[in-house]
């Protein structure tokens, strides 16, 4: 197997390497999951492949299943940890992609939570303790 690729200028590659500033909730062979620092709601997780791939189209077929199996697992953990009715799972390809490294958004959702269309309010964490508690709750659910 070839060595994983990384972009030295990519913030998410730094997170995958353990050098970035992120509240990691899960890290596996192929993926890393961490709290979004500008969450739609507390518990908003970003899931990335460890290798640098900008879009879903760039992702090698062998990494599709590991990425989306992990997205499925984390979606359940986020829902349970945050006590939400469901989750919103999405990714952007270039447009609206603030970091050019493939990432899946996993967002806890409830009916009438204020998330409408593409004009989404951001609901920040109250403080660093809130960030830590949220990350721990998701880590607990992931086992």
Protein backbone atom coordinates (compact mmCIF):
# COMPACT_ATOMS: atom_id res chain seq x y z
CA UNK A 1 0.00 0.00 0.00
CA UNK A 2 1.32 3.45 -0.93
CA UNK A 3 2.05 5.94 1.82
CA UNK A 4 -0.90 8.25 2.56
CA UNK A 5 -0.80 11.55 0.74
CA UNK A 6 -0.79 14.86 2.59
CA UNK A 7 -0.72 18.53 1.62
CA UNK A 8 1.67 20.50 3.86
CA UNK A 9 -0.49 23.62 3.47
CA UNK A 10 -3.80 21.90 4.34
CA UNK A 11 -5.31 22.58 7.77
CA UNK A 12 -7.19 19.26 7.70
CA UNK A 13 -4.05 17.30 6.79
CA UNK A 14 -2.51 18.86 9.91
CA UNK A 15 -5.48 17.65 11.98
CA UNK A 16 -5.14 14.15 10.46
CA UNK A 17 -1.44 14.16 11.38
CA UNK A 18 -2.24 15.18 14.96
CA UNK A 19 -0.72 18.63 14.49
CA UNK A 20 -3.89 20.69 14.09
CA UNK A 21 -6.02 22.37 16.73
CA UNK A 22 -9.18 20.26 16.81
CA UNK A 23 -11.45 18.47 19.29
CA UNK A 24 -11.01 14.94 17.91
CA UNK A 25 -13.95 12.62 18.54
CA UNK A 26 -12.64 9.60 16.62
CA UNK A 27 -9.55 8.57 14.68
CA UNK A 28 -9.15 5.40 12.67
CA UNK A 29 -6.94 3.94 9.99
CA UNK A 30 -8.62 5.85 7.15
CA UNK A 31 -10.51 8.71 8.80
CA UNK A 32 -10.45 11.36 11.51
CA UNK A 33 -13.56 13.00 13.00
CA UNK A 34 -13.54 16.26 14.94
CA UNK A 35 -15.89 19.02 16.06
CA UNK A 36 -16.45 21.85 13.58
CA UNK A 37 -15.07 25.04 15.14
CA UNK A 38 -17.99 26.99 13.61
CA UNK A 39 -20.84 24.56 14.33
CA UNK A 40 -24.36 24.82 13.01
CA UNK A 41 -25.28 23.26 16.36
CA UNK A 42 -23.14 21.78 19.16
CA UNK A 43 -22.18 18.27 18.10
CA UNK A 44 -21.51 19.28 14.47
CA UNK A 45 -18.74 16.89 13.40
CA UNK A 46 -16.44 16.98 10.38
CA UNK A 47 -15.25 13.61 9.11
CA UNK A 48 -12.21 13.58 6.84
CA UNK A 49 -10.15 10.96 5.06
CA UNK A 50 -6.60 10.88 6.43
CA UNK A 51 -5.26 11.17 2.89
CA UNK A 52 -5.58 14.51 1.12
CA UNK A 53 -8.37 14.37 -1.45
CA UNK A 54 -10.18 17.59 -2.33
CA UNK A 55 -13.54 16.20 -3.45
CA UNK A 56 -15.63 13.04 -3.45
CA UNK A 57 -14.64 12.65 -7.09
CA UNK A 58 -10.96 12.52 -6.09
CA UNK A 59 -11.52 9.89 -3.40
CA UNK A 60 -10.17 6.48 -4.48
CA UNK A 61 -12.90 3.83 -4.72
CA UNK A 62 -11.22 1.79 -1.97
CA UNK A 63 -11.77 4.67 0.49
CA UNK A 64 -15.46 5.30 -0.28
CA UNK A 65 -16.77 2.47 1.90
CA UNK A 66 -14.52 3.22 4.90
CA UNK A 67 -15.45 6.92 4.78
CA UNK A 68 -19.21 6.41 4.53
CA UNK A 69 -19.32 3.47 6.94
CA UNK A 70 -17.68 5.80 9.46
CA UNK A 71 -20.13 8.62 8.57
CA UNK A 72 -22.99 6.21 9.29
CA UNK A 73 -21.46 5.20 12.64
CA UNK A 74 -20.76 8.79 13.70
CA UNK A 75 -24.25 9.95 12.66
CA UNK A 76 -25.76 7.53 15.16
CA UNK A 77 -23.32 8.56 17.88
CA UNK A 78 -23.99 12.28 17.31
CA UNK A 79 -27.77 11.72 17.41
CA UNK A 80 -27.55 9.78 20.65
CA UNK A 81 -24.93 12.01 22.29
CA UNK A 82 -26.77 15.23 21.50
CA UNK A 83 -30.27 13.83 22.16
CA UNK A 84 -31.37 14.95 18.70
CA UNK A 85 -34.18 13.56 16.58
CA UNK A 86 -31.87 12.95 13.63
CA UNK A 87 -28.84 14.18 11.74
CA UNK A 88 -28.00 16.06 8.57
CA UNK A 89 -25.13 14.45 6.66
CA UNK A 90 -23.62 16.35 3.73
CA UNK A 91 -20.47 17.33 1.91
CA UNK A 92 -19.53 20.10 -0.47
CA UNK A 93 -17.38 19.73 -3.55
CA UNK A 94 -15.34 22.90 -4.09
CA UNK A 95 -18.26 25.38 -3.88
CA UNK A 96 -18.81 26.29 -0.23
CA UNK A 97 -15.86 24.10 0.74
CA UNK A 98 -13.95 26.35 3.16
CA UNK A 99 -11.04 23.90 3.39
CA UNK A 100 -10.12 22.13 0.13
CA UNK A 101 -9.94 18.69 1.76
CA UNK A 102 -12.93 16.35 1.43
CA UNK A 103 -15.03 16.51 4.59
CA UNK A 104 -18.42 15.17 5.56
CA UNK A 105 -20.61 17.33 7.82
CA UNK A 106 -22.60 15.39 10.42
CA UNK A 107 -25.00 17.77 12.16
CA UNK A 108 -27.53 16.95 14.89
CA UNK A 109 -31.05 18.01 13.86
CA UNK A 110 -34.42 18.54 15.51
CA UNK A 111 -37.70 19.69 14.05
CA UNK A 112 -38.04 23.48 14.11
CA UNK A 113 -34.35 23.95 15.00
CA UNK A 114 -34.08 26.99 12.75
CA UNK A 115 -32.01 25.39 10.01
CA UNK A 116 -33.61 26.48 6.73
CA UNK A 117 -32.31 26.27 3.20
CA UNK A 118 -28.75 27.44 2.86
CA UNK A 119 -28.97 30.44 5.19
CA UNK A 120 -27.88 28.55 8.26
CA UNK A 121 -27.24 30.28 11.54
CA UNK A 122 -24.14 29.29 13.45
CA UNK A 123 -24.64 28.30 17.06
CA UNK A 124 -21.26 28.45 18.77
CA UNK A 125 -20.16 26.57 21.85
CA UNK A 126 -20.63 28.44 25.11
CA UNK A 127 -16.97 28.05 26.06
CA UNK A 128 -14.06 25.59 25.92
CA UNK A 129 -15.68 23.43 28.61
CA UNK A 130 -18.75 23.08 26.35
CA UNK A 131 -16.47 22.04 23.47
CA UNK A 132 -14.74 19.45 25.66
CA UNK A 133 -18.01 18.06 27.05
CA UNK A 134 -19.55 17.79 23.58
CA UNK A 135 -16.50 16.00 22.16
CA UNK A 136 -16.46 13.62 25.14
CA UNK A 137 -20.16 12.80 24.74
CA UNK A 138 -19.60 11.83 21.10
CA UNK A 139 -16.43 9.86 21.92
CA UNK A 140 -18.42 7.95 24.57
CA UNK A 141 -21.10 7.04 22.04
CA UNK A 142 -18.47 5.90 19.54
CA UNK A 143 -17.12 3.51 22.16
